[in-house]
Amino acid sequence: MTADWPALWRGTRWIKQLDEATEWMVDNVETYAPTWPAAVLREMIGTYVAHARAVAISERGDNRKAELLTELTDPVWAVFGSRGWQRGPKLLPRSVQRLEAIIATMAAETDQQLAAAAPAL
């Protein structure tokens, strides 16, 4: 994906649409995820959906949300996008690793924010 997501996010219309899209994905994942034949694909989409929704409803700034959603979406799109199916077996392991790395970065960022906000003992 090469779109400048932070620029697209400017304005409440885009924010509302992304909020609605991530909500729909979470509400309907049990409908579409089981249709994929491999467990790794179902796990990848489930992980993506849960974390994309978490980003959308987080208290992060809009630009940071846009960056994280773009980072989360890139490896998933590489597998599930139109050309991804043609190259899927080669892309899947790297894409899963990239998704896991992004999630680990998000977790570390959240941990740092919580530590900074925690009162000193």
N, C-alpha and C. Protein backbone atom coordinates (compact mmCIF):
# COMPACT_ATOMS: atom_id res chain seq x y z
N MET A 1 0.85 -1.17 0.00
CA MET A 1 0.00 0.00 0.00
C MET A 1 0.89 1.23 0.00
N THR A 2 0.58 2.14 -0.85
CA THR A 2 1.40 3.34 -0.93
C THR A 2 0.63 4.60 -0.60
N ALA A 3 -0.60 4.47 -0.22
CA ALA A 3 -1.41 5.64 0.09
C ALA A 3 -0.85 6.37 1.30
N ASP A 4 -1.01 7.67 1.29
CA ASP A 4 -0.60 8.48 2.43
C ASP A 4 -1.75 8.50 3.42
N TRP A 5 -1.83 7.45 4.23
CA TRP A 5 -2.97 7.31 5.13
C TRP A 5 -3.13 8.47 6.11
N PRO A 6 -2.04 8.98 6.70
CA PRO A 6 -2.28 10.12 7.60
C PRO A 6 -2.99 11.28 6.90
N ALA A 7 -2.65 11.52 5.62
CA ALA A 7 -3.32 12.60 4.90
C ALA A 7 -4.79 12.24 4.66
N LEU A 8 -5.07 10.97 4.39
CA LEU A 8 -6.44 10.55 4.16
C LEU A 8 -7.28 10.60 5.43
N TRP A 9 -6.62 10.44 6.56
CA TRP A 9 -7.34 10.39 7.83
C TRP A 9 -7.83 11.74 8.29
N ARG A 10 -7.34 12.78 7.67
CA ARG A 10 -7.76 14.10 8.11
C ARG A 10 -9.24 14.28 7.80
N GLY A 11 -10.00 14.47 8.83
CA GLY A 11 -11.44 14.64 8.66
C GLY A 11 -12.19 13.50 9.32
N THR A 12 -13.28 13.83 9.92
CA THR A 12 -14.04 12.85 10.69
C THR A 12 -14.68 11.79 9.81
N ARG A 13 -14.93 12.07 8.54
CA ARG A 13 -15.54 11.08 7.66
C ARG A 13 -14.68 9.84 7.53
N TRP A 14 -13.38 10.02 7.32
CA TRP A 14 -12.47 8.88 7.18
C TRP A 14 -12.36 8.12 8.49
N ILE A 15 -12.29 8.83 9.58
CA ILE A 15 -12.18 8.18 10.88
C ILE A 15 -13.42 7.33 11.14
N LYS A 16 -14.57 7.89 10.85
CA LYS A 16 -15.82 7.15 11.04
C LYS A 16 -15.88 5.91 10.15
N GLN A 17 -15.46 6.03 8.91
CA GLN A 17 -15.48 4.89 8.00
C GLN A 17 -14.53 3.78 8.46
N LEU A 18 -13.35 4.14 8.92
CA LEU A 18 -12.41 3.13 9.41
C LEU A 18 -12.92 2.49 10.70
N ASP A 19 -13.56 3.28 11.54
CA ASP A 19 -14.16 2.73 12.75
C ASP A 19 -15.25 1.73 12.39
N GLU A 20 -16.10 2.09 11.45
CA GLU A 20 -17.17 1.18 11.03
C GLU A 20 -16.62 -0.07 10.36
N ALA A 21 -15.59 0.07 9.56
CA ALA A 21 -15.00 -1.08 8.87
C ALA A 21 -14.38 -2.07 9.85
N THR A 22 -13.63 -1.56 10.83
CA THR A 22 -13.02 -2.47 11.80
C THR A 22 -14.07 -3.11 12.69
N GLU A 23 -15.13 -2.36 13.00
CA GLU A 23 -16.22 -2.93 13.78
C GLU A 23 -16.89 -4.06 13.00
N TRP A 24 -17.15 -3.84 11.71
CA TRP A 24 -17.76 -4.86 10.87
C TRP A 24 -16.88 -6.10 10.80
N MET A 25 -15.57 -5.90 10.63
CA MET A 25 -14.66 -7.04 10.54
C MET A 25 -14.73 -7.90 11.80
N VAL A 26 -14.74 -7.26 12.95
CA VAL A 26 -14.81 -8.00 14.22
C VAL A 26 -16.15 -8.71 14.34
N ASP A 27 -17.22 -8.02 14.02
CA ASP A 27 -18.56 -8.60 14.16
C ASP A 27 -18.79 -9.78 13.22
N ASN A 28 -18.08 -9.83 12.11
CA ASN A 28 -18.36 -10.83 11.08
C ASN A 28 -17.21 -11.81 10.81
N VAL A 29 -16.15 -11.75 11.58
CA VAL A 29 -15.00 -12.61 11.31
C VAL A 29 -15.36 -14.09 11.34
N GLU A 30 -16.30 -14.48 12.20
CA GLU A 30 -16.67 -15.89 12.27
C GLU A 30 -17.42 -16.34 11.02
N THR A 31 -17.88 -15.40 10.22
CA THR A 31 -18.59 -15.72 8.98
C THR A 31 -17.61 -15.97 7.83
N TYR A 32 -16.58 -15.12 7.71
CA TYR A 32 -15.70 -15.23 6.55
C TYR A 32 -14.38 -15.96 6.83
N ALA A 33 -13.85 -15.90 8.02
CA ALA A 33 -12.55 -16.53 8.29
C ALA A 33 -12.57 -18.05 8.10
N PRO A 34 -13.61 -18.76 8.52
CA PRO A 34 -13.59 -20.21 8.33
C PRO A 34 -13.60 -20.66 6.87
N THR A 35 -13.84 -19.75 5.95
CA THR A 35 -13.87 -20.15 4.54
C THR A 35 -12.48 -20.38 3.96
N TRP A 36 -11.44 -19.92 4.65
CA TRP A 36 -10.09 -20.15 4.15
C TRP A 36 -9.60 -21.52 4.59
N PRO A 37 -8.98 -22.24 3.68
CA PRO A 37 -8.67 -23.65 3.94
C PRO A 37 -7.56 -23.89 4.96
N ALA A 38 -6.63 -23.00 5.09
CA ALA A 38 -5.48 -23.23 5.97
C ALA A 38 -5.66 -22.52 7.30
N ALA A 39 -5.30 -23.21 8.37
CA ALA A 39 -5.40 -22.63 9.71
C ALA A 39 -4.55 -21.38 9.84
N VAL A 40 -3.40 -21.34 9.19
CA VAL A 40 -2.53 -20.17 9.29
C VAL A 40 -3.21 -18.94 8.69
N LEU A 41 -4.00 -19.13 7.64
CA LEU A 41 -4.73 -18.00 7.05
C LEU A 41 -5.83 -17.52 7.98
N ARG A 42 -6.55 -18.45 8.57
CA ARG A 42 -7.61 -18.08 9.51
C ARG A 42 -7.03 -17.37 10.73
N GLU A 43 -5.91 -17.87 11.20
CA GLU A 43 -5.27 -17.23 12.36
C GLU A 43 -4.76 -15.83 12.01
N MET A 44 -4.18 -15.71 10.82
CA MET A 44 -3.66 -14.41 10.41
C MET A 44 -4.77 -13.38 10.32
N ILE A 45 -5.89 -13.74 9.70
CA ILE A 45 -6.96 -12.76 9.54
C ILE A 45 -7.61 -12.45 10.89
N GLY A 46 -7.74 -13.45 11.75
CA GLY A 46 -8.29 -13.20 13.08
C GLY A 46 -7.41 -12.26 13.89
N THR A 47 -6.11 -12.49 13.82
CA THR A 47 -5.15 -11.63 14.53
C THR A 47 -5.22 -10.21 13.98
N TYR A 48 -5.24 -10.10 12.66
CA TYR A 48 -5.31 -8.79 12.03
C TYR A 48 -6.58 -8.03 12.45
N VAL A 49 -7.71 -8.70 12.37
CA VAL A 49 -8.99 -8.06 12.68
C VAL A 49 -9.01 -7.56 14.12
N ALA A 50 -8.58 -8.39 15.04
CA ALA A 50 -8.60 -8.01 16.45
C ALA A 50 -7.69 -6.80 16.71
N HIS A 51 -6.50 -6.81 16.13
CA HIS A 51 -5.57 -5.72 16.38
C HIS A 51 -5.95 -4.44 15.62
N ALA A 52 -6.50 -4.59 14.43
CA ALA A 52 -6.96 -3.40 13.70
C ALA A 52 -8.07 -2.70 14.48
N ARG A 53 -8.97 -3.49 15.04
CA ARG A 53 -10.05 -2.90 15.84
C ARG A 53 -9.49 -2.24 17.09
N ALA A 54 -8.54 -2.89 17.73
CA ALA A 54 -7.93 -2.32 18.93
C ALA A 54 -7.28 -0.97 18.62
N VAL A 55 -6.63 -0.87 17.48
CA VAL A 55 -6.03 0.40 17.08
C VAL A 55 -7.12 1.44 16.85
N ALA A 56 -8.17 1.06 16.16
CA ALA A 56 -9.24 2.01 15.82
C ALA A 56 -9.91 2.59 17.06
N ILE A 57 -10.06 1.79 18.11
CA ILE A 57 -10.75 2.30 19.30
C ILE A 57 -9.78 2.79 20.38
N SER A 58 -8.49 2.75 20.08
CA SER A 58 -7.50 3.18 21.07
C SER A 58 -7.53 4.70 21.23
N GLU A 59 -6.81 5.16 22.21
CA GLU A 59 -6.74 6.60 22.49
C GLU A 59 -5.56 7.25 21.78
N ARG A 60 -4.95 6.53 20.87
CA ARG A 60 -3.84 7.11 20.10
C ARG A 60 -4.35 8.26 19.24
N GLY A 61 -3.42 9.10 18.82
CA GLY A 61 -3.78 10.18 17.90
C GLY A 61 -4.15 9.60 16.54
N ASP A 62 -4.89 10.36 15.77
CA ASP A 62 -5.35 9.88 14.47
C ASP A 62 -4.20 9.52 13.53
N ASN A 63 -3.14 10.32 13.52
CA ASN A 63 -2.01 10.01 12.64
C ASN A 63 -1.33 8.71 13.05
N ARG A 64 -1.19 8.48 14.35
CA ARG A 64 -0.57 7.23 14.80
C ARG A 64 -1.47 6.04 14.49
N LYS A 65 -2.77 6.20 14.65
CA LYS A 65 -3.70 5.14 14.27
C LYS A 65 -3.54 4.80 12.79
N ALA A 66 -3.46 5.83 11.97
CA ALA A 66 -3.32 5.62 10.53
C ALA A 66 -2.03 4.87 10.22
N GLU A 67 -0.95 5.26 10.87
CA GLU A 67 0.33 4.58 10.65
C GLU A 67 0.25 3.11 11.05
N LEU A 68 -0.32 2.86 12.21
CA LEU A 68 -0.42 1.47 12.69
C LEU A 68 -1.34 0.63 11.82
N LEU A 69 -2.46 1.19 11.40
CA LEU A 69 -3.37 0.44 10.53
C LEU A 69 -2.71 0.14 9.19
N THR A 70 -1.94 1.06 8.68
CA THR A 70 -1.21 0.82 7.44
C THR A 70 -0.18 -0.28 7.63
N GLU A 71 0.57 -0.21 8.73
CA GLU A 71 1.58 -1.23 9.01
C GLU A 71 0.94 -2.61 9.20
N LEU A 72 -0.19 -2.66 9.90
CA LEU A 72 -0.89 -3.93 10.10
C LEU A 72 -1.44 -4.49 8.79
N THR A 73 -1.93 -3.62 7.95
CA THR A 73 -2.60 -4.04 6.73
C THR A 73 -1.62 -4.52 5.65
N ASP A 74 -0.46 -3.93 5.57
CA ASP A 74 0.50 -4.28 4.51
C ASP A 74 0.80 -5.78 4.43
N PRO A 75 1.20 -6.44 5.51
CA PRO A 75 1.50 -7.88 5.37
C PRO A 75 0.27 -8.72 5.09
N VAL A 76 -0.88 -8.31 5.58
CA VAL A 76 -2.12 -9.05 5.32
C VAL A 76 -2.51 -8.89 3.85
N TRP A 77 -2.38 -7.69 3.34
CA TRP A 77 -2.69 -7.44 1.94
C TRP A 77 -1.75 -8.23 1.03
N ALA A 78 -0.50 -8.38 1.43
CA ALA A 78 0.44 -9.15 0.62
C ALA A 78 -0.04 -10.58 0.42
N VAL A 79 -0.73 -11.13 1.41
CA VAL A 79 -1.23 -12.50 1.33
C VAL A 79 -2.62 -12.55 0.71
N PHE A 80 -3.52 -11.71 1.14
CA PHE A 80 -4.91 -11.78 0.73
C PHE A 80 -5.24 -10.89 -0.47
N GLY A 81 -4.33 -10.01 -0.85
CA GLY A 81 -4.57 -9.14 -1.99
C GLY A 81 -4.56 -9.93 -3.29
N SER A 82 -4.92 -9.28 -4.37
CA SER A 82 -5.10 -9.97 -5.64
C SER A 82 -3.85 -10.73 -6.09
N ARG A 83 -2.68 -10.16 -5.98
CA ARG A 83 -1.47 -10.87 -6.39
C ARG A 83 -0.96 -11.78 -5.29
N GLY A 84 -1.42 -11.55 -4.08
CA GLY A 84 -0.96 -12.36 -2.96
C GLY A 84 -1.28 -13.83 -3.12
N TRP A 85 -2.43 -14.13 -3.68
CA TRP A 85 -2.80 -15.54 -3.84
C TRP A 85 -1.88 -16.25 -4.81
N GLN A 86 -1.36 -15.54 -5.79
CA GLN A 86 -0.45 -16.15 -6.75
C GLN A 86 0.90 -16.45 -6.12
N ARG A 87 1.31 -15.59 -5.20
CA ARG A 87 2.61 -15.75 -4.56
C ARG A 87 2.48 -16.14 -3.09
N GLY A 88 1.27 -16.45 -2.68
CA GLY A 88 0.97 -16.71 -1.28
C GLY A 88 1.91 -17.63 -0.54
N PRO A 89 2.21 -18.82 -1.08
CA PRO A 89 3.10 -19.73 -0.35
C PRO A 89 4.46 -19.12 -0.04
N LYS A 90 4.97 -18.28 -0.93
CA LYS A 90 6.26 -17.65 -0.69
C LYS A 90 6.14 -16.47 0.27
N LEU A 91 5.03 -15.75 0.20
CA LEU A 91 4.85 -14.54 1.00
C LEU A 91 4.33 -14.81 2.40
N LEU A 92 3.62 -15.89 2.59
CA LEU A 92 2.95 -16.13 3.86
C LEU A 92 3.88 -16.13 5.07
N PRO A 93 4.97 -16.90 5.06
CA PRO A 93 5.82 -16.89 6.26
C PRO A 93 6.37 -15.50 6.60
N ARG A 94 6.83 -14.77 5.58
CA ARG A 94 7.35 -13.42 5.84
C ARG A 94 6.24 -12.47 6.30
N SER A 95 5.08 -12.62 5.72
CA SER A 95 3.96 -11.75 6.10
C SER A 95 3.51 -12.01 7.52
N VAL A 96 3.47 -13.26 7.92
CA VAL A 96 3.11 -13.59 9.31
C VAL A 96 4.15 -13.02 10.26
N GLN A 97 5.42 -13.14 9.92
CA GLN A 97 6.49 -12.58 10.76
C GLN A 97 6.37 -11.06 10.86
N ARG A 98 6.08 -10.40 9.74
CA ARG A 98 5.92 -8.95 9.76
C ARG A 98 4.75 -8.54 10.62
N LEU A 99 3.63 -9.26 10.51
CA LEU A 99 2.45 -8.95 11.33
C LEU A 99 2.77 -9.13 12.80
N GLU A 100 3.44 -10.21 13.15
CA GLU A 100 3.82 -10.45 14.55
C GLU A 100 4.76 -9.38 15.07
N ALA A 101 5.70 -8.93 14.23
CA ALA A 101 6.64 -7.89 14.64
C ALA A 101 5.92 -6.56 14.88
N ILE A 102 4.97 -6.24 14.04
CA ILE A 102 4.21 -5.00 14.20
C ILE A 102 3.40 -5.06 15.48
N ILE A 103 2.79 -6.20 15.75
CA ILE A 103 2.00 -6.35 16.98
C ILE A 103 2.90 -6.24 18.20
N ALA A 104 4.09 -6.81 18.13
CA ALA A 104 5.04 -6.69 19.25
C ALA A 104 5.45 -5.23 19.46
N THR A 105 5.64 -4.51 18.38
CA THR A 105 5.97 -3.08 18.49
C THR A 105 4.82 -2.30 19.13
N MET A 106 3.60 -2.63 18.72
CA MET A 106 2.43 -1.97 19.32
C MET A 106 2.33 -2.28 20.81
N ALA A 107 2.59 -3.53 21.19
CA ALA A 107 2.52 -3.91 22.60
C ALA A 107 3.58 -3.17 23.41
N ALA A 108 4.78 -3.07 22.85
CA ALA A 108 5.85 -2.35 23.55
C ALA A 108 5.50 -0.87 23.70
N GLU A 109 4.92 -0.30 22.67
CA GLU A 109 4.50 1.11 22.72
C GLU A 109 3.45 1.31 23.81
N THR A 110 2.49 0.40 23.88
CA THR A 110 1.44 0.49 24.89
C THR A 110 2.03 0.33 26.29
N ASP A 111 2.95 -0.64 26.45
CA ASP A 111 3.59 -0.83 27.75
C ASP A 111 4.34 0.42 28.20
N GLN A 112 5.03 1.08 27.28
CA GLN A 112 5.76 2.31 27.61
C GLN A 112 4.79 3.41 28.02
N GLN A 113 3.69 3.52 27.32
CA GLN A 113 2.70 4.54 27.66
C GLN A 113 2.08 4.28 29.03
N LEU A 114 1.80 3.01 29.31
CA LEU A 114 1.24 2.67 30.62
C LEU A 114 2.24 2.91 31.74
N ALA A 115 3.50 2.58 31.50
CA ALA A 115 4.54 2.82 32.50
C ALA A 115 4.72 4.30 32.77
N ALA A 116 4.66 5.09 31.74
CA ALA A 116 4.81 6.53 31.89
C ALA A 116 3.62 7.15 32.63
N ALA A 117 2.45 6.56 32.45
CA ALA A 117 1.24 7.09 33.09
C ALA A 117 1.05 6.58 34.50
N ALA A 118 1.73 5.50 34.85
CA ALA A 118 1.57 4.91 36.18
C ALA A 118 2.17 5.84 37.25
N PRO A 119 1.49 5.95 38.37
CA PRO A 119 2.03 6.79 39.46
C PRO A 119 3.28 6.11 40.05
N ALA A 120 4.22 6.94 40.43
CA ALA A 120 5.45 6.42 41.05
C ALA A 120 5.13 5.89 42.44
N LEU A 121 5.70 4.74 42.75
CA LEU A 121 5.46 4.14 44.07
C LEU A 121 6.46 4.60 45.08
